[in-house]
C-alpha atoms as a PDB file:
ATOM      1  CA  TYR A   1      77.921  86.744  42.449  1.00  0.00           C
ATOM      2  CA  PRO A   2      77.707  89.361  45.203  1.00  0.00           C
ATOM      3  CA  LYS A   3      78.886  92.828  44.171  1.00  0.00           C
ATOM      4  CA  PHE A   4      81.529  92.948  46.917  1.00  0.00           C
ATOM      5  CA  LEU A   5      83.280  89.946  45.322  1.00  0.00           C
ATOM      6  CA  SER A   6      83.287  91.439  41.822  1.00  0.00           C
ATOM      7  CA  PRO A   7      84.477  95.068  41.869  1.00  0.00           C
ATOM      8  CA  PHE A   8      84.764  95.333  38.062  1.00  0.00           C
ATOM      9  CA  ALA A   9      81.580  93.461  37.064  1.00  0.00           C
ATOM     10  CA  LYS A  10      78.337  95.073  35.942  1.00  0.00           C
ATOM     11  CA  PRO A  11      75.430  94.748  38.400  1.00  0.00           C
ATOM     12  CA  VAL A  12      72.395  92.617  37.567  1.00  0.00           C
ATOM     13  CA  GLU A  13      69.715  95.011  36.313  1.00  0.00           C
ATOM     14  CA  ASP A  14      66.935  93.971  38.718  1.00  0.00           C
ATOM     15  CA  ASN A  15      69.254  93.190  41.675  1.00  0.00           C
ATOM     16  CA  PRO A  16      72.178  95.637  42.040  1.00  0.00           C
ATOM     17  CA  ASP A  17      73.655  93.614  44.930  1.00  0.00           C
ATOM     18  CA  LEU A  18      74.557  90.878  42.415  1.00  0.00           C
ATOM     19  CA  THR A  19      76.805  91.023  39.346  1.00  0.00           C
ATOM     20  CA  GLU A  20      76.750  89.532  35.850  1.00  0.00           C
ATOM     21  CA  ARG A  21      79.534  87.013  36.447  1.00  0.00           C
ATOM     22  CA  PHE A  22      80.073  83.312  35.821  1.00  0.00           C
ATOM     23  CA  GLN A  23      82.635  80.584  36.354  1.00  0.00           C
ATOM     24  CA  LEU A  24      83.145  77.286  34.568  1.00  0.00           C
ATOM     25  CA  ILE A  25      83.941  74.587  37.114  1.00  0.00           C
ATOM     26  CA  VAL A  26      85.315  71.244  35.922  1.00  0.00           C
ATOM     27  CA  ASP A  27      85.930  68.431  38.398  1.00  0.00           C
ATOM     28  CA  GLY A  28      85.724  70.920  41.270  1.00  0.00           C
ATOM     29  CA  MET A  29      88.300  73.343  39.796  1.00  0.00           C
ATOM     30  CA  GLU A  30      87.598  76.823  38.427  1.00  0.00           C
ATOM     31  CA  ILE A  31      88.755  76.796  34.796  1.00  0.00           C
ATOM     32  CA  VAL A  32      87.095  79.954  33.414  1.00  0.00           C
ATOM     33  CA  ASN A  33      86.040  83.218  35.057  1.00  0.00           C
ATOM     34  CA  GLY A  34      83.989  85.756  33.128  1.00  0.00           C
ATOM     35  CA  PHE A  35      81.794  88.791  33.596  1.00  0.00           C
ATOM     36  CA  SER A  36      80.150  91.794  31.975  1.00  0.00           C
ATOM     37  CA  GLU A  37      82.412  94.827  32.428  1.00  0.00           C
ATOM     38  CA  LEU A  38      81.178  97.645  34.628  1.00  0.00           C
ATOM     39  CA  ASN A  39      81.086 100.741  32.426  1.00  0.00           C
ATOM     40  CA  ASP A  40      79.378 103.200  34.800  1.00  0.00           C
ATOM     41  CA  PRO A  41      82.081 105.630  36.017  1.00  0.00           C
ATOM     42  CA  VAL A  42      80.137 106.698  39.138  1.00  0.00           C
ATOM     43  CA  ASP A  43      79.508 103.120  40.285  1.00  0.00           C
ATOM     44  CA  GLN A  44      83.099 102.135  39.420  1.00  0.00           C
ATOM     45  CA  ARG A  45      84.522 105.032  41.474  1.00  0.00           C
ATOM     46  CA  GLN A  46      82.416 104.048  44.495  1.00  0.00           C
ATOM     47  CA  ARG A  47      83.590 100.447  44.255  1.00  0.00           C
ATOM     48  CA  MET A  48      87.238 101.423  43.767  1.00  0.00           C
ATOM     49  CA  GLU A  49      87.096 103.767  46.753  1.00  0.00           C
ATOM     50  CA  GLU A  50      85.712 100.911  48.860  1.00  0.00           C
ATOM     51  CA  GLN A  51      88.464  98.600  47.584  1.00  0.00           C
ATOM     52  CA  GLU A  52      91.086 101.257  48.401  1.00  0.00           C
ATOM     53  CA  ARG A  53      89.721 101.528  51.971  1.00  0.00           C
ATOM     54  CA  LYS A  54      90.029  97.759  52.326  1.00  0.00           C
ATOM     55  CA  TYR A  55      93.576  97.843  50.960  1.00  0.00           C
ATOM     56  CA  ARG A  56      94.597 100.581  53.402  1.00  0.00           C
ATOM     57  CA  ALA A  57      93.041  98.558  56.218  1.00  0.00           C
ATOM     58  CA  GLY A  58      95.400  95.686  55.406  1.00  0.00           C
ATOM     59  CA  ASN A  59      93.652  93.618  52.728  1.00  0.00           C
ATOM     60  CA  GLN A  60      96.484  93.159  50.216  1.00  0.00           C
ATOM     61  CA  GLU A  61      94.129  91.435  47.741  1.00  0.00           C
ATOM     62  CA  ALA A  62      91.892  94.503  47.400  1.00  0.00           C
ATOM     63  CA  SER A  63      92.138  96.514  44.177  1.00  0.00           C
ATOM     64  CA  ARG A  64      93.843  99.910  44.245  1.00  0.00           C
ATOM     65  CA  LEU A  65      92.193 103.167  43.206  1.00  0.00           C
ATOM     66  CA  ASP A  66      93.142 103.907  39.585  1.00  0.00           C
ATOM     67  CA  GLU A  67      92.412 107.536  38.677  1.00  0.00           C
ATOM     68  CA  ASP A  68      93.629 107.103  35.080  1.00  0.00           C
ATOM     69  CA  PHE A  69      91.199 104.239  34.528  1.00  0.00           C
ATOM     70  CA  LEU A  70      88.344 106.183  36.119  1.00  0.00           C
ATOM     71  CA  GLU A  71      89.079 109.236  33.972  1.00  0.00           C
ATOM     72  CA  ALA A  72      89.104 107.101  30.819  1.00  0.00           C
ATOM     73  CA  LEU A  73      85.821 105.498  31.864  1.00  0.00           C
ATOM     74  CA  GLU A  74      84.241 108.955  32.138  1.00  0.00           C
ATOM     75  CA  TYR A  75      84.796 109.410  28.386  1.00  0.00           C
ATOM     76  CA  GLY A  76      82.582 106.408  27.789  1.00  0.00           C
ATOM     77  CA  MET A  77      82.973 102.686  27.344  1.00  0.00           C
ATOM     78  CA  PRO A  78      80.656 100.545  25.223  1.00  0.00           C
ATOM     79  CA  PRO A  79      79.128  97.419  26.731  1.00  0.00           C
ATOM     80  CA  ALA A  80      81.803  94.752  27.038  1.00  0.00           C
ATOM     81  CA  ALA A  81      82.290  91.318  28.536  1.00  0.00           C
ATOM     82  CA  GLY A  82      85.014  88.757  28.612  1.00  0.00           C
ATOM     83  CA  TRP A  83      86.338  85.627  30.166  1.00  0.00           C
ATOM     84  CA  GLY A  84      89.722  84.289  31.110  1.00  0.00           C
ATOM     85  CA  VAL A  85      91.100  80.801  31.301  1.00  0.00           C
ATOM     86  CA  GLY A  86      94.294  79.861  33.074  1.00  0.00           C
ATOM     87  CA  ILE A  87      96.732  77.636  31.187  1.00  0.00           C
ATOM     88  CA  ASP A  88      97.948  76.415  34.579  1.00  0.00           C
ATOM     89  CA  ARG A  89      94.411  75.308  35.427  1.00  0.00           C
ATOM     90  CA  LEU A  90      93.996  73.522  32.097  1.00  0.00           C
ATOM     91  CA  ALA A  91      97.332  71.771  32.668  1.00  0.00           C
ATOM     92  CA  ALA A  92      96.218  70.712  36.149  1.00  0.00           C
ATOM     93  CA  LEU A  93      92.971  69.352  34.693  1.00  0.00           C
ATOM     94  CA  VAL A  94      94.733  67.431  31.892  1.00  0.00           C
ATOM     95  CA  THR A  95      97.337  65.962  34.270  1.00  0.00           C
ATOM     96  CA  LYS A  96      94.660  65.150  36.854  1.00  0.00           C
ATOM     97  CA  SER A  97      96.553  67.143  39.487  1.00  0.00           C
ATOM     98  CA  HIS A  98      94.741  67.860  42.728  1.00  0.00           C
ATOM     99  CA  ASN A  99      96.102  71.379  42.987  1.00  0.00           C
ATOM    100  CA  VAL A 100      97.431  73.964  40.527  1.00  0.00           C
ATOM    101  CA  LYS A 101     100.548  74.295  42.704  1.00  0.00           C
ATOM    102  CA  GLU A 102     101.533  70.729  41.720  1.00  0.00           C
ATOM    103  CA  ILE A 103     102.174  71.721  38.091  1.00  0.00           C
ATOM    104  CA  ILE A 104     103.337  75.343  38.183  1.00  0.00           C
ATOM    105  CA  ALA A 105     106.845  76.190  37.064  1.00  0.00           C
ATOM    106  CA  PHE A 106     107.553  78.700  39.835  1.00  0.00           C
ATOM    107  CA  PRO A 107     109.308  76.855  42.673  1.00  0.00           C
ATOM    108  CA  THR A 108     108.720  79.590  45.253  1.00  0.00           C
ATOM    109  CA  LEU A 109     104.985  78.980  44.954  1.00  0.00           C
ATOM    110  CA  LYS A 110     105.162  75.185  45.083  1.00  0.00           C
ATOM    111  CA  PRO A 111     104.339  73.401  48.341  1.00  0.00           C
ATOM    112  CA  ARG A 112     107.392  72.172  50.234  1.00  0.00           C
END
C-alpha cells in the first residue's frame, strides 16, 4: 500500500513509498486489515506532521499529532505487527448482507 494511505505502517525496505500492509478480502468485503508497525520515531513524526497538516486543512479523517506517542516511541519499540477484524464485517459476511450498515446496531448510522 502507498505510504500516504498507511501513516502507522512500516515502509517496505527496498521501496519506502510502499508499506508492509495487507487486507483479507472475502466476497468483495474487507474483513481483516493488518500491517507491520512503524517504530522509527523520526519517520513517524514526519508522517504525523503531514497528517496534522491535512487535518487542519479540513480532512477530518486524518490522524492527529500525538506528542505523547512520539515521545514514547523515542524510547524504543521492538518490531511489531498486528491485524484487526471487525465483528460487524464478519456478521455482514455470515448474513450475506451487501453492506455493513445493514447489520449494525447503531440506528444513526443505518441508511434511511
